[in-house]
Amino acid sequence: MPPGHSNAIFINDTNPILTEDPIDAFEEAARQGAFIFTNHLQSTAQRKNGIASYDPMHLELIEKNMLHGIEIVNEANYSDEALQIALDYNLTLVGTSDVPGLTDWMYDIPHGGHWPVTLVFARERGPETIQEALFNQQTVVWFNDLFIDRQK
């Protein structure tokens, strides 16, 4: 199901991105300076075996600088394979959640739990410096009381 579920953040106009051709959508998002990342490639909705992997389309997007990051954690699922893809292709690490219900219940927040978080290390607060930090891979994913970064 290439390219799967992706996000483009820091765009100015969504209208030109709403197209039938996914490559056209990625090209337009990149033209607008978007930081683009793929989501939960380990999801069985995208991979029947539940193992994250990239398709030729993903590799083309990376080559053309139209794919910058990869989600290595989604909700309660961490993917070793997604982390390896990030390392192999020099992508920014992202951890998020698609919470369909109450976060307090799902992550047991009243008892110290937390949802996955992407920590972005920027020079100062503001969209420009956050965008710069994302492109420069200045992130750490916080998941299950672990900090996951690019160090091997």
Protein backbone atom coordinates (compact mmCIF):
# COMPACT_ATOMS: atom_id res chain seq x y z
CA MET A 1 0.00 0.00 0.00
CA PRO A 2 2.71 2.48 -0.89
CA PRO A 3 3.21 5.11 0.25
CA GLY A 4 0.93 4.22 3.18
CA HIS A 5 -0.05 6.78 5.78
CA SER A 6 2.13 9.90 5.79
CA ASN A 7 2.06 13.37 7.31
CA ALA A 8 3.29 16.68 5.94
CA ILE A 9 3.70 19.39 8.54
CA PHE A 10 4.59 23.08 8.07
CA ILE A 11 2.59 23.39 4.86
CA ASN A 12 0.82 26.58 3.82
CA ASP A 13 -1.99 25.32 1.59
CA THR A 14 -3.57 21.85 1.70
CA ASN A 15 -5.62 22.29 -1.47
CA PRO A 16 -2.86 21.52 -4.01
CA ILE A 17 -1.88 18.46 -1.98
CA LEU A 18 -5.34 16.90 -2.39
CA THR A 19 -4.61 14.92 -5.51
CA GLU A 20 -5.16 11.37 -6.73
CA ASP A 21 -1.46 10.84 -7.50
CA PRO A 22 0.56 10.34 -4.30
CA ILE A 23 3.81 11.48 -5.95
CA ASP A 24 2.13 14.76 -6.92
CA ALA A 25 1.01 15.21 -3.30
CA PHE A 26 4.54 14.60 -1.97
CA GLU A 27 6.04 16.94 -4.59
CA GLU A 28 3.63 19.73 -3.62
CA ALA A 29 4.22 19.24 0.11
CA ALA A 30 7.99 19.31 -0.46
CA ARG A 31 7.64 22.43 -2.63
CA GLN A 32 5.93 24.10 0.33
CA GLY A 33 8.88 23.18 2.59
CA ALA A 34 7.02 20.47 4.51
CA PHE A 35 8.64 18.03 6.87
CA ILE A 36 7.18 14.71 5.65
CA PHE A 37 7.17 11.43 7.54
CA THR A 38 5.60 8.00 7.18
CA ASN A 39 3.45 6.47 9.90
CA HIS A 40 3.20 3.03 11.51
CA LEU A 41 4.59 0.91 8.71
CA GLN A 42 4.45 -2.02 11.13
CA SER A 43 0.65 -1.82 11.24
CA THR A 44 -1.02 -4.98 9.93
CA ALA A 45 -3.30 -2.66 7.95
CA GLN A 46 -0.20 -1.76 5.90
CA ARG A 47 1.90 -4.94 6.26
CA LYS A 48 0.18 -8.28 6.73
CA ASN A 49 3.21 -9.63 8.62
CA GLY A 50 3.39 -6.56 10.90
CA ILE A 51 7.02 -5.88 9.94
CA ALA A 52 7.91 -2.36 8.81
CA SER A 53 9.57 -2.16 5.42
CA TYR A 54 9.96 0.38 2.65
CA ASP A 55 8.75 -0.05 -0.91
CA PRO A 56 10.48 1.28 -4.04
CA MET A 57 8.18 4.32 -3.86
CA HIS A 58 9.48 5.20 -0.38
CA LEU A 59 13.07 4.92 -1.61
CA GLU A 60 12.27 7.19 -4.56
CA LEU A 61 10.76 9.75 -2.19
CA ILE A 62 13.88 9.65 0.00
CA GLU A 63 16.15 10.07 -3.03
CA LYS A 64 14.14 13.11 -4.13
CA ASN A 65 14.22 14.61 -0.60
CA MET A 66 10.45 14.25 -0.25
CA LEU A 67 10.50 11.95 2.79
CA HIS A 68 12.32 13.05 5.92
CA GLY A 69 11.19 10.97 8.87
CA ILE A 70 9.61 7.73 10.00
CA GLU A 71 7.39 6.87 12.92
CA ILE A 72 9.13 4.21 15.00
CA VAL A 73 6.44 4.15 17.72
CA ASN A 74 2.69 4.41 17.36
CA GLU A 75 0.40 4.02 20.38
CA ALA A 76 1.75 0.92 22.15
CA ASN A 77 3.77 -0.42 19.21
CA TYR A 78 7.51 0.02 18.80
CA SER A 79 9.18 -1.23 15.62
CA ASP A 80 12.84 -2.31 15.55
CA GLU A 81 12.53 -2.51 11.76
CA ALA A 82 11.31 1.10 11.49
CA LEU A 83 14.23 2.24 13.65
CA GLN A 84 16.63 0.36 11.36
CA ILE A 85 15.03 1.99 8.30
CA ALA A 86 15.57 5.39 9.95
CA LEU A 87 19.23 4.58 10.55
CA ASP A 88 19.77 3.08 7.10
CA TYR A 89 18.18 6.00 5.24
CA ASN A 90 19.13 8.86 7.58
CA LEU A 91 15.55 9.70 8.58
CA THR A 92 14.28 11.62 11.60
CA LEU A 93 12.80 9.52 14.41
CA VAL A 94 9.15 10.17 15.26
CA GLY A 95 6.91 8.69 17.96
CA THR A 96 3.19 9.45 18.02
CA SER A 97 -0.18 7.98 18.82
CA ASP A 98 -3.51 7.71 17.06
CA VAL A 99 -5.55 7.67 20.23
CA PRO A 100 -9.13 6.70 19.38
CA GLY A 101 -10.35 7.04 22.97
CA LEU A 102 -9.42 8.60 26.27
CA THR A 103 -5.67 8.95 26.73
CA ASP A 104 -5.99 8.70 30.52
CA TRP A 105 -7.41 5.19 30.18
CA MET A 106 -5.32 4.01 27.27
CA TYR A 107 -2.00 5.04 28.82
CA ASP A 108 -2.94 4.84 32.52
CA ILE A 109 -1.90 8.45 32.96
CA PRO A 110 -3.30 8.80 36.52
CA HIS A 111 -0.77 6.14 37.56
CA GLY A 112 2.27 7.58 35.80
CA GLY A 113 1.77 6.27 32.27
CA HIS A 114 2.35 8.38 29.15
CA TRP A 115 1.69 8.20 25.44
CA PRO A 116 4.53 8.17 22.89
CA VAL A 117 6.16 11.57 22.51
CA THR A 118 8.59 13.04 20.01
CA LEU A 119 10.95 15.36 21.83
CA VAL A 120 12.30 17.99 19.44
CA PHE A 121 15.47 19.80 20.47
CA ALA A 122 15.23 23.27 18.97
CA ARG A 123 17.25 26.42 19.68
CA GLU A 124 14.10 28.25 20.78
CA ARG A 125 10.32 27.94 20.66
CA GLY A 126 8.69 28.63 17.35
CA PRO A 127 7.67 26.87 14.18
CA GLU A 128 10.79 27.82 12.22
CA THR A 129 13.24 26.43 14.76
CA ILE A 130 11.14 23.29 15.34
CA GLN A 131 11.02 22.71 11.59
CA GLU A 132 14.80 23.20 11.39
CA ALA A 133 15.37 20.75 14.26
CA LEU A 134 13.15 18.11 12.62
CA PHE A 135 15.07 18.39 9.34
CA ASN A 136 18.31 18.14 11.33
CA GLN A 137 17.14 14.95 13.11
CA GLN A 138 17.26 16.58 16.54
CA THR A 139 14.63 14.27 18.04
CA VAL A 140 14.31 11.60 20.67
CA VAL A 141 11.27 9.35 21.02
CA TRP A 142 9.96 8.80 24.56
CA PHE A 143 8.13 5.47 24.85
CA ASN A 144 7.42 3.27 27.90
CA ASP A 145 9.91 5.23 30.00
CA LEU A 146 12.61 4.72 27.36
CA PHE A 147 14.36 7.37 25.30
CA ILE A 148 15.07 6.15 21.77
CA ASP A 149 17.56 8.08 19.68
CA ARG A 150 19.87 7.58 16.72
CA GLN A 151 22.75 6.18 18.83
CA LYS A 152 23.63 2.56 18.19
